[in-house]
Amino acid sequence: NSGRMKFIRKSMLNDRQIPDCRRCYELEESGMRT
């Protein structure tokens, strides 16, 4: 329950992209399963 972990959960619940997850975003844009 660190500050960053709570930020990540809140962002995901509100459908906001965050820099933490950029790798999955990029791979999924290329059609990859992540």
PDB file of all heavy atoms in Angstrom:
ATOM      1  N   ASN A   1       0.823  -1.215   0.000  1.00  0.00           N
ATOM      2  CA  ASN A   1       0.000   0.000   0.000  1.00  0.00           C
ATOM      3  C   ASN A   1       0.857   1.266   0.000  1.00  0.00           C
ATOM      4  O   ASN A   1       0.533   2.265   0.644  1.00  0.00           O
ATOM      5  CB  ASN A   1      -0.949  -0.005   1.205  1.00  0.00           C
ATOM      6  CG  ASN A   1      -2.121  -0.943   1.004  1.00  0.00           C
ATOM      7  OD1 ASN A   1      -2.773  -0.918  -0.037  1.00  0.00           O
ATOM      8  ND2 ASN A   1      -2.371  -1.799   1.993  1.00  0.00           N
ATOM      9  N   SER A   2       1.952   1.204  -0.753  1.00  0.00           N
ATOM     10  CA  SER A   2       2.787   2.398  -0.914  1.00  0.00           C
ATOM     11  C   SER A   2       2.038   3.438  -1.746  1.00  0.00           C
ATOM     12  O   SER A   2       1.039   3.129  -2.408  1.00  0.00           O
ATOM     13  CB  SER A   2       4.093   2.031  -1.627  1.00  0.00           C
ATOM     14  OG  SER A   2       3.835   1.606  -2.956  1.00  0.00           O
ATOM     15  N   GLY A   3       2.522   4.657  -1.718  1.00  0.00           N
ATOM     16  CA  GLY A   3       1.862   5.724  -2.470  1.00  0.00           C
ATOM     17  C   GLY A   3       1.755   5.408  -3.951  1.00  0.00           C
ATOM     18  O   GLY A   3       0.717   5.647  -4.579  1.00  0.00           O
ATOM     19  N   ARG A   4       2.822   4.846  -4.529  1.00  0.00           N
ATOM     20  CA  ARG A   4       2.816   4.547  -5.963  1.00  0.00           C
ATOM     21  C   ARG A   4       1.847   3.425  -6.282  1.00  0.00           C
ATOM     22  O   ARG A   4       1.152   3.458  -7.305  1.00  0.00           O
ATOM     23  CB  ARG A   4       4.225   4.169  -6.425  1.00  0.00           C
ATOM     24  CG  ARG A   4       4.371   4.078  -7.949  1.00  0.00           C
ATOM     25  CD  ARG A   4       4.349   5.457  -8.567  1.00  0.00           C
ATOM     26  NE  ARG A   4       4.146   5.444 -10.005  1.00  0.00           N
ATOM     27  CZ  ARG A   4       4.061   6.528 -10.749  1.00  0.00           C
ATOM     28  NH1 ARG A   4       4.164   7.721 -10.180  1.00  0.00           N
ATOM     29  NH2 ARG A   4       3.858   6.457 -12.049  1.00  0.00           N
ATOM     30  N   MET A   5       1.807   2.410  -5.424  1.00  0.00           N
ATOM     31  CA  MET A   5       0.909   1.282  -5.673  1.00  0.00           C
ATOM     32  C   MET A   5      -0.548   1.745  -5.623  1.00  0.00           C
ATOM     33  O   MET A   5      -1.365   1.327  -6.455  1.00  0.00           O
ATOM     34  CB  MET A   5       1.160   0.191  -4.632  1.00  0.00           C
ATOM     35  CG  MET A   5       0.554  -1.150  -4.988  1.00  0.00           C
ATOM     36  SD  MET A   5       1.343  -1.937  -6.414  1.00  0.00           S
ATOM     37  CE  MET A   5       1.083  -3.674  -6.016  1.00  0.00           C
ATOM     38  N   LYS A   6      -0.865   2.615  -4.692  1.00  0.00           N
ATOM     39  CA  LYS A   6      -2.242   3.117  -4.601  1.00  0.00           C
ATOM     40  C   LYS A   6      -2.585   3.973  -5.818  1.00  0.00           C
ATOM     41  O   LYS A   6      -3.702   3.915  -6.338  1.00  0.00           O
ATOM     42  CB  LYS A   6      -2.424   3.915  -3.297  1.00  0.00           C
ATOM     43  CG  LYS A   6      -2.367   3.032  -2.046  1.00  0.00           C
ATOM     44  CD  LYS A   6      -2.774   3.769  -0.784  1.00  0.00           C
ATOM     45  CE  LYS A   6      -1.720   4.757  -0.338  1.00  0.00           C
ATOM     46  NZ  LYS A   6      -2.059   5.343   1.000  1.00  0.00           N
ATOM     47  N   PHE A   7      -1.613   4.762  -6.284  1.00  0.00           N
ATOM     48  CA  PHE A   7      -1.807   5.567  -7.500  1.00  0.00           C
ATOM     49  C   PHE A   7      -2.099   4.667  -8.699  1.00  0.00           C
ATOM     50  O   PHE A   7      -2.978   4.964  -9.519  1.00  0.00           O
ATOM     51  CB  PHE A   7      -0.567   6.411  -7.753  1.00  0.00           C
ATOM     52  CG  PHE A   7      -0.481   6.986  -9.140  1.00  0.00           C
ATOM     53  CD1 PHE A   7      -1.225   8.111  -9.501  1.00  0.00           C
ATOM     54  CD2 PHE A   7       0.334   6.398 -10.105  1.00  0.00           C
ATOM     55  CE1 PHE A   7      -1.152   8.633 -10.793  1.00  0.00           C
ATOM     56  CE2 PHE A   7       0.421   6.913 -11.390  1.00  0.00           C
ATOM     57  CZ  PHE A   7      -0.330   8.031 -11.731  1.00  0.00           C
ATOM     58  N   ILE A   8      -1.363   3.574  -8.827  1.00  0.00           N
ATOM     59  CA  ILE A   8      -1.549   2.652  -9.948  1.00  0.00           C
ATOM     60  C   ILE A   8      -2.960   2.060  -9.921  1.00  0.00           C
ATOM     61  O   ILE A   8      -3.655   2.015 -10.944  1.00  0.00           O
ATOM     62  CB  ILE A   8      -0.487   1.530  -9.897  1.00  0.00           C
ATOM     63  CG1 ILE A   8       0.900   2.101 -10.188  1.00  0.00           C
ATOM     64  CG2 ILE A   8      -0.823   0.413 -10.890  1.00  0.00           C
ATOM     65  CD1 ILE A   8       2.038   1.140  -9.874  1.00  0.00           C
ATOM     66  N   ARG A   9      -3.390   1.599  -8.751  1.00  0.00           N
ATOM     67  CA  ARG A   9      -4.737   1.012  -8.646  1.00  0.00           C
ATOM     68  C   ARG A   9      -5.817   2.037  -9.012  1.00  0.00           C
ATOM     69  O   ARG A   9      -6.749   1.728  -9.769  1.00  0.00           O
ATOM     70  CB  ARG A   9      -4.958   0.489  -7.228  1.00  0.00           C
ATOM     71  CG  ARG A   9      -4.072  -0.699  -6.843  1.00  0.00           C
ATOM     72  CD  ARG A   9      -4.477  -1.260  -5.496  1.00  0.00           C
ATOM     73  NE  ARG A   9      -3.549  -2.292  -5.040  1.00  0.00           N
ATOM     74  CZ  ARG A   9      -2.796  -2.210  -3.946  1.00  0.00           C
ATOM     75  NH1 ARG A   9      -2.862  -1.124  -3.170  1.00  0.00           N
ATOM     76  NH2 ARG A   9      -1.990  -3.190  -3.607  1.00  0.00           N
ATOM     77  N   LYS A  10      -5.697   3.245  -8.474  1.00  0.00           N
ATOM     78  CA  LYS A  10      -6.704   4.274  -8.769  1.00  0.00           C
ATOM     79  C   LYS A  10      -6.739   4.607 -10.257  1.00  0.00           C
ATOM     80  O   LYS A  10      -7.808   4.782 -10.844  1.00  0.00           O
ATOM     81  CB  LYS A  10      -6.421   5.547  -7.946  1.00  0.00           C
ATOM     82  CG  LYS A  10      -6.719   5.414  -6.472  1.00  0.00           C
ATOM     83  CD  LYS A  10      -6.692   6.763  -5.765  1.00  0.00           C
ATOM     84  CE  LYS A  10      -5.311   7.387  -5.813  1.00  0.00           C
ATOM     85  NZ  LYS A  10      -5.278   8.696  -5.099  1.00  0.00           N
ATOM     86  N   SER A  11      -5.571   4.691 -10.871  1.00  0.00           N
ATOM     87  CA  SER A  11      -5.500   4.998 -12.304  1.00  0.00           C
ATOM     88  C   SER A  11      -6.192   3.919 -13.125  1.00  0.00           C
ATOM     89  O   SER A  11      -6.938   4.211 -14.063  1.00  0.00           O
ATOM     90  CB  SER A  11      -4.038   5.136 -12.745  1.00  0.00           C
ATOM     91  OG  SER A  11      -3.401   6.194 -12.055  1.00  0.00           O
ATOM     92  N   MET A  12      -5.940   2.656 -12.792  1.00  0.00           N
ATOM     93  CA  MET A  12      -6.556   1.565 -13.539  1.00  0.00           C
ATOM     94  C   MET A  12      -8.070   1.550 -13.364  1.00  0.00           C
ATOM     95  O   MET A  12      -8.813   1.290 -14.323  1.00  0.00           O
ATOM     96  CB  MET A  12      -5.961   0.227 -13.085  1.00  0.00           C
ATOM     97  CG  MET A  12      -4.523   0.016 -13.533  1.00  0.00           C
ATOM     98  SD  MET A  12      -3.892  -1.599 -13.030  1.00  0.00           S
ATOM     99  CE  MET A  12      -2.274  -1.570 -13.831  1.00  0.00           C
ATOM    100  N   LEU A  13      -8.534   1.832 -12.168  1.00  0.00           N
ATOM    101  CA  LEU A  13      -9.978   1.845 -11.921  1.00  0.00           C
ATOM    102  C   LEU A  13     -10.668   2.979 -12.675  1.00  0.00           C
ATOM    103  O   LEU A  13     -11.871   2.904 -12.949  1.00  0.00           O
ATOM    104  CB  LEU A  13     -10.246   1.971 -10.416  1.00  0.00           C
ATOM    105  CG  LEU A  13      -9.874   0.748  -9.573  1.00  0.00           C
ATOM    106  CD1 LEU A  13     -10.068   1.045  -8.094  1.00  0.00           C
ATOM    107  CD2 LEU A  13     -10.693  -0.476  -9.981  1.00  0.00           C
ATOM    108  N   ASN A  14      -9.895   4.004 -13.025  1.00  0.00           N
ATOM    109  CA  ASN A  14     -10.451   5.141 -13.758  1.00  0.00           C
ATOM    110  C   ASN A  14     -10.032   5.160 -15.229  1.00  0.00           C
ATOM    111  O   ASN A  14     -10.179   6.173 -15.912  1.00  0.00           O
ATOM    112  CB  ASN A  14     -10.031   6.443 -13.078  1.00  0.00           C
ATOM    113  CG  ASN A  14     -10.746   6.666 -11.751  1.00  0.00           C
ATOM    114  OD1 ASN A  14     -11.923   7.026 -11.733  1.00  0.00           O
ATOM    115  ND2 ASN A  14     -10.050   6.424 -10.649  1.00  0.00           N
ATOM    116  N   ASP A  15      -9.488   4.021 -15.699  1.00  0.00           N
ATOM    117  CA  ASP A  15      -9.128   3.843 -17.109  1.00  0.00           C
ATOM    118  C   ASP A  15      -8.173   4.927 -17.600  1.00  0.00           C
ATOM    119  O   ASP A  15      -8.341   5.502 -18.675  1.00  0.00           O
ATOM    120  CB  ASP A  15     -10.398   3.821 -17.975  1.00  0.00           C
ATOM    121  CG  ASP A  15     -10.125   3.322 -19.388  1.00  0.00           C
ATOM    122  OD1 ASP A  15      -9.058   2.718 -19.596  1.00  0.00           O
ATOM    123  OD2 ASP A  15     -10.970   3.548 -20.268  1.00  0.00           O
ATOM    124  N   ARG A  16      -7.131   5.183 -16.783  1.00  0.00           N
ATOM    125  CA  ARG A  16      -6.120   6.174 -17.158  1.00  0.00           C
ATOM    126  C   ARG A  16      -4.802   5.476 -17.480  1.00  0.00           C
ATOM    127  O   ARG A  16      -4.341   4.628 -16.706  1.00  0.00           O
ATOM    128  CB  ARG A  16      -5.901   7.190 -16.030  1.00  0.00           C
ATOM    129  CG  ARG A  16      -7.071   8.126 -15.777  1.00  0.00           C
ATOM    130  CD  ARG A  16      -6.614   9.349 -14.974  1.00  0.00           C
ATOM    131  NE  ARG A  16      -6.050   8.969 -13.689  1.00  0.00           N
ATOM    132  CZ  ARG A  16      -6.715   8.981 -12.535  1.00  0.00           C
ATOM    133  NH1 ARG A  16      -7.995   9.347 -12.509  1.00  0.00           N
ATOM    134  NH2 ARG A  16      -6.126   8.622 -11.409  1.00  0.00           N
ATOM    135  N   GLN A  17      -4.187   5.830 -18.595  1.00  0.00           N
ATOM    136  CA  GLN A  17      -2.876   5.294 -18.909  1.00  0.00           C
ATOM    137  C   GLN A  17      -1.829   5.929 -18.003  1.00  0.00           C
ATOM    138  O   GLN A  17      -1.910   7.115 -17.677  1.00  0.00           O
ATOM    139  CB  GLN A  17      -2.513   5.559 -20.374  1.00  0.00           C
ATOM    140  CG  GLN A  17      -3.268   4.689 -21.355  1.00  0.00           C
ATOM    141  CD  GLN A  17      -2.582   4.640 -22.709  1.00  0.00           C
ATOM    142  OE1 GLN A  17      -1.599   5.330 -22.964  1.00  0.00           O
ATOM    143  NE2 GLN A  17      -3.109   3.801 -23.589  1.00  0.00           N
ATOM    144  N   ILE A  18      -0.840   5.122 -17.595  1.00  0.00           N
ATOM    145  CA  ILE A  18       0.215   5.597 -16.712  1.00  0.00           C
ATOM    146  C   ILE A  18       1.562   5.107 -17.246  1.00  0.00           C
ATOM    147  O   ILE A  18       1.640   4.080 -17.929  1.00  0.00           O
ATOM    148  CB  ILE A  18       0.007   5.094 -15.264  1.00  0.00           C
ATOM    149  CG1 ILE A  18      -0.236   3.577 -15.247  1.00  0.00           C
ATOM    150  CG2 ILE A  18      -1.131   5.836 -14.600  1.00  0.00           C
ATOM    151  CD1 ILE A  18      -0.378   2.990 -13.853  1.00  0.00           C
ATOM    152  N   PRO A  19       2.651   5.837 -16.951  1.00  0.00           N
ATOM    153  CA  PRO A  19       3.965   5.442 -17.489  1.00  0.00           C
ATOM    154  C   PRO A  19       4.431   4.085 -16.998  1.00  0.00           C
ATOM    155  O   PRO A  19       5.208   3.420 -17.684  1.00  0.00           O
ATOM    156  CB  PRO A  19       4.888   6.566 -17.007  1.00  0.00           C
ATOM    157  CG  PRO A  19       4.167   7.224 -15.881  1.00  0.00           C
ATOM    158  CD  PRO A  19       2.714   7.097 -16.191  1.00  0.00           C
ATOM    159  N   ASP A  20       3.971   3.668 -15.838  1.00  0.00           N
ATOM    160  CA  ASP A  20       4.369   2.374 -15.287  1.00  0.00           C
ATOM    161  C   ASP A  20       4.090   1.234 -16.260  1.00  0.00           C
ATOM    162  O   ASP A  20       4.818   0.240 -16.300  1.00  0.00           O
ATOM    163  CB  ASP A  20       3.619   2.092 -13.978  1.00  0.00           C
ATOM    164  CG  ASP A  20       3.634   3.259 -13.022  1.00  0.00           C
ATOM    165  OD1 ASP A  20       3.107   4.332 -13.398  1.00  0.00           O
ATOM    166  OD2 ASP A  20       4.154   3.119 -11.901  1.00  0.00           O
ATOM    167  N   CYS A  21       3.034   1.378 -17.050  1.00  0.00           N
ATOM    168  CA  CYS A  21       2.536   0.277 -17.881  1.00  0.00           C
ATOM    169  C   CYS A  21       2.841   0.452 -19.368  1.00  0.00           C
ATOM    170  O   CYS A  21       2.236  -0.203 -20.221  1.00  0.00           O
ATOM    171  CB  CYS A  21       1.031   0.122 -17.679  1.00  0.00           C
ATOM    172  SG  CYS A  21       0.545  -0.112 -15.953  1.00  0.00           S
ATOM    173  N   ARG A  22       3.793   1.311 -19.699  1.00  0.00           N
ATOM    174  CA  ARG A  22       4.041   1.646 -21.106  1.00  0.00           C
ATOM    175  C   ARG A  22       4.433   0.436 -21.938  1.00  0.00           C
ATOM    176  O   ARG A  22       4.113   0.367 -23.132  1.00  0.00           O
ATOM    177  CB  ARG A  22       5.134   2.705 -21.201  1.00  0.00           C
ATOM    178  CG  ARG A  22       6.514   2.246 -20.757  1.00  0.00           C
ATOM    179  CD  ARG A  22       7.625   3.212 -21.117  1.00  0.00           C
ATOM    180  NE  ARG A  22       8.927   2.743 -20.661  1.00  0.00           N
ATOM    181  CZ  ARG A  22       9.705   1.914 -21.344  1.00  0.00           C
ATOM    182  NH1 ARG A  22       9.306   1.471 -22.539  1.00  0.00           N
ATOM    183  NH2 ARG A  22      10.877   1.524 -20.869  1.00  0.00           N
ATOM    184  N   ARG A  23       5.126  -0.528 -21.351  1.00  0.00           N
ATOM    185  CA  ARG A  23       5.573  -1.685 -22.122  1.00  0.00           C
ATOM    186  C   ARG A  23       4.393  -2.514 -22.619  1.00  0.00           C
ATOM    187  O   ARG A  23       4.360  -2.942 -23.778  1.00  0.00           O
ATOM    188  CB  ARG A  23       6.507  -2.557 -21.281  1.00  0.00           C
ATOM    189  CG  ARG A  23       7.890  -1.950 -21.065  1.00  0.00           C
ATOM    190  CD  ARG A  23       8.684  -2.781 -20.097  1.00  0.00           C
ATOM    191  NE  ARG A  23      10.108  -2.463 -20.119  1.00  0.00           N
ATOM    192  CZ  ARG A  23      10.995  -2.988 -19.289  1.00  0.00           C
ATOM    193  NH1 ARG A  23      10.603  -3.854 -18.366  1.00  0.00           N
ATOM    194  NH2 ARG A  23      12.267  -2.659 -19.376  1.00  0.00           N
ATOM    195  N   CYS A  24       3.434  -2.760 -21.752  1.00  0.00           N
ATOM    196  CA  CYS A  24       2.246  -3.517 -22.181  1.00  0.00           C
ATOM    197  C   CYS A  24       1.458  -2.739 -23.233  1.00  0.00           C
ATOM    198  O   CYS A  24       0.965  -3.311 -24.205  1.00  0.00           O
ATOM    199  CB  CYS A  24       1.359  -3.863 -20.988  1.00  0.00           C
ATOM    200  SG  CYS A  24       1.914  -5.333 -20.075  1.00  0.00           S
ATOM    201  N   TYR A  25       1.329  -1.419 -23.031  1.00  0.00           N
ATOM    202  CA  TYR A  25       0.620  -0.616 -24.030  1.00  0.00           C
ATOM    203  C   TYR A  25       1.269  -0.779 -25.402  1.00  0.00           C
ATOM    204  O   TYR A  25       0.594  -1.010 -26.414  1.00  0.00           O
ATOM    205  CB  TYR A  25       0.642   0.870 -23.656  1.00  0.00           C
ATOM    206  CG  TYR A  25       0.030   1.244 -22.327  1.00  0.00           C
ATOM    207  CD1 TYR A  25       0.479   2.376 -21.635  1.00  0.00           C
ATOM    208  CD2 TYR A  25      -0.990   0.492 -21.747  1.00  0.00           C
ATOM    209  CE1 TYR A  25      -0.070   2.745 -20.417  1.00  0.00           C
ATOM    210  CE2 TYR A  25      -1.542   0.855 -20.525  1.00  0.00           C
ATOM    211  CZ  TYR A  25      -1.071   1.986 -19.865  1.00  0.00           C
ATOM    212  OH  TYR A  25      -1.608   2.356 -18.658  1.00  0.00           O
ATOM    213  N   GLU A  26       2.604  -0.666 -25.446  1.00  0.00           N
ATOM    214  CA  GLU A  26       3.313  -0.719 -26.725  1.00  0.00           C
ATOM    215  C   GLU A  26       3.207  -2.096 -27.367  1.00  0.00           C
ATOM    216  O   GLU A  26       2.978  -2.215 -28.574  1.00  0.00           O
ATOM    217  CB  GLU A  26       4.784  -0.346 -26.531  1.00  0.00           C
ATOM    218  CG  GLU A  26       5.566  -0.303 -27.834  1.00  0.00           C
ATOM    219  CD  GLU A  26       6.975   0.238 -27.687  1.00  0.00           C
ATOM    220  OE1 GLU A  26       7.355   0.643 -26.557  1.00  0.00           O
ATOM    221  OE2 GLU A  26       7.702   0.261 -28.701  1.00  0.00           O
ATOM    222  N   LEU A  27       3.357  -3.141 -26.571  1.00  0.00           N
ATOM    223  CA  LEU A  27       3.278  -4.490 -27.117  1.00  0.00           C
ATOM    224  C   LEU A  27       1.876  -4.817 -27.620  1.00  0.00           C
ATOM    225  O   LEU A  27       1.703  -5.457 -28.665  1.00  0.00           O
ATOM    226  CB  LEU A  27       3.711  -5.507 -26.064  1.00  0.00           C
ATOM    227  CG  LEU A  27       5.212  -5.507 -25.729  1.00  0.00           C
ATOM    228  CD1 LEU A  27       5.492  -6.432 -24.551  1.00  0.00           C
ATOM    229  CD2 LEU A  27       6.045  -5.910 -26.929  1.00  0.00           C
ATOM    230  N   GLU A  28       0.871  -4.365 -26.892  1.00  0.00           N
ATOM    231  CA  GLU A  28      -0.504  -4.631 -27.331  1.00  0.00           C
ATOM    232  C   GLU A  28      -0.832  -3.879 -28.607  1.00  0.00           C
ATOM    233  O   GLU A  28      -1.608  -4.361 -29.441  1.00  0.00           O
ATOM    234  CB  GLU A  28      -1.483  -4.285 -26.203  1.00  0.00           C
ATOM    235  CG  GLU A  28      -1.434  -5.286 -25.059  1.00  0.00           C
ATOM    236  CD  GLU A  28      -2.389  -4.955 -23.925  1.00  0.00           C
ATOM    237  OE1 GLU A  28      -3.413  -4.283 -24.171  1.00  0.00           O
ATOM    238  OE2 GLU A  28      -2.117  -5.375 -22.778  1.00  0.00           O
ATOM    239  N   GLU A  29      -0.242  -2.713 -28.791  1.00  0.00           N
ATOM    240  CA  GLU A  29      -0.422  -1.988 -30.054  1.00  0.00           C
ATOM    241  C   GLU A  29       0.157  -2.770 -31.233  1.00  0.00           C
ATOM    242  O   GLU A  29      -0.298  -2.630 -32.368  1.00  0.00           O
ATOM    243  CB  GLU A  29       0.248  -0.612 -29.972  1.00  0.00           C
ATOM    244  CG  GLU A  29      -0.520   0.398 -29.133  1.00  0.00           C
ATOM    245  CD  GLU A  29       0.215   1.722 -29.024  1.00  0.00           C
ATOM    246  OE1 GLU A  29       1.275   1.867 -29.672  1.00  0.00           O
ATOM    247  OE2 GLU A  29      -0.264   2.611 -28.284  1.00  0.00           O
ATOM    248  N   SER A  30       1.165  -3.611 -30.957  1.00  0.00           N
ATOM    249  CA  SER A  30       1.770  -4.437 -31.998  1.00  0.00           C
ATOM    250  C   SER A  30       1.072  -5.787 -32.130  1.00  0.00           C
ATOM    251  O   SER A  30       1.543  -6.658 -32.853  1.00  0.00           O
ATOM    252  CB  SER A  30       3.259  -4.661 -31.689  1.00  0.00           C
ATOM    253  OG  SER A  30       3.962  -3.441 -31.713  1.00  0.00           O
ATOM    254  N   GLY A  31      -0.025  -5.959 -31.396  1.00  0.00           N
ATOM    255  CA  GLY A  31      -0.790  -7.199 -31.489  1.00  0.00           C
ATOM    256  C   GLY A  31      -0.319  -8.299 -30.569  1.00  0.00           C
ATOM    257  O   GLY A  31      -0.790  -9.439 -30.673  1.00  0.00           O
ATOM    258  N   MET A  32       0.626  -7.992 -29.678  1.00  0.00           N
ATOM    259  CA  MET A  32       1.178  -9.009 -28.797  1.00  0.00           C
ATOM    260  C   MET A  32       0.264  -9.243 -27.595  1.00  0.00           C
ATOM    261  O   MET A  32      -0.393  -8.325 -27.099  1.00  0.00           O
ATOM    262  CB  MET A  32       2.558  -8.583 -28.294  1.00  0.00           C
ATOM    263  CG  MET A  32       3.594  -8.395 -29.384  1.00  0.00           C
ATOM    264  SD  MET A  32       4.144  -9.951 -30.090  1.00  0.00           S
ATOM    265  CE  MET A  32       5.174 -10.579 -28.770  1.00  0.00           C
ATOM    266  N   ARG A  33       0.264 -10.472 -27.113  1.00  0.00           N
ATOM    267  CA  ARG A  33      -0.404 -10.818 -25.866  1.00  0.00           C
ATOM    268  C   ARG A  33       0.530 -10.441 -24.726  1.00  0.00           C
ATOM    269  O   ARG A  33       1.724 -10.719 -24.761  1.00  0.00           O
ATOM    270  CB  ARG A  33      -0.716 -12.305 -25.838  1.00  0.00           C
ATOM    271  CG  ARG A  33      -1.377 -12.783 -24.549  1.00  0.00           C
ATOM    272  CD  ARG A  33      -1.659 -14.270 -24.624  1.00  0.00           C
ATOM    273  NE  ARG A  33      -2.046 -14.802 -23.339  1.00  0.00           N
ATOM    274  CZ  ARG A  33      -3.255 -14.710 -22.815  1.00  0.00           C
ATOM    275  NH1 ARG A  33      -4.205 -14.087 -23.498  1.00  0.00           N
ATOM    276  NH2 ARG A  33      -3.548 -15.221 -21.652  1.00  0.00           N
ATOM    277  N   THR A  34       0.007  -9.810 -23.678  1.00  0.00           N
ATOM    278  CA  THR A  34       0.840  -9.304 -22.598  1.00  0.00           C
ATOM    279  C   THR A  34       0.459  -9.907 -21.249  1.00  0.00           C
ATOM    280  O   THR A  34      -0.549 -10.618 -21.116  1.00  0.00           O
ATOM    281  CB  THR A  34       0.725  -7.774 -22.491  1.00  0.00           C
ATOM    282  OG1 THR A  34      -0.623  -7.445 -22.104  1.00  0.00           O
ATOM    283  CG2 THR A  34       1.077  -7.099 -23.814  1.00  0.00           C
TER     284      THR A  34
END
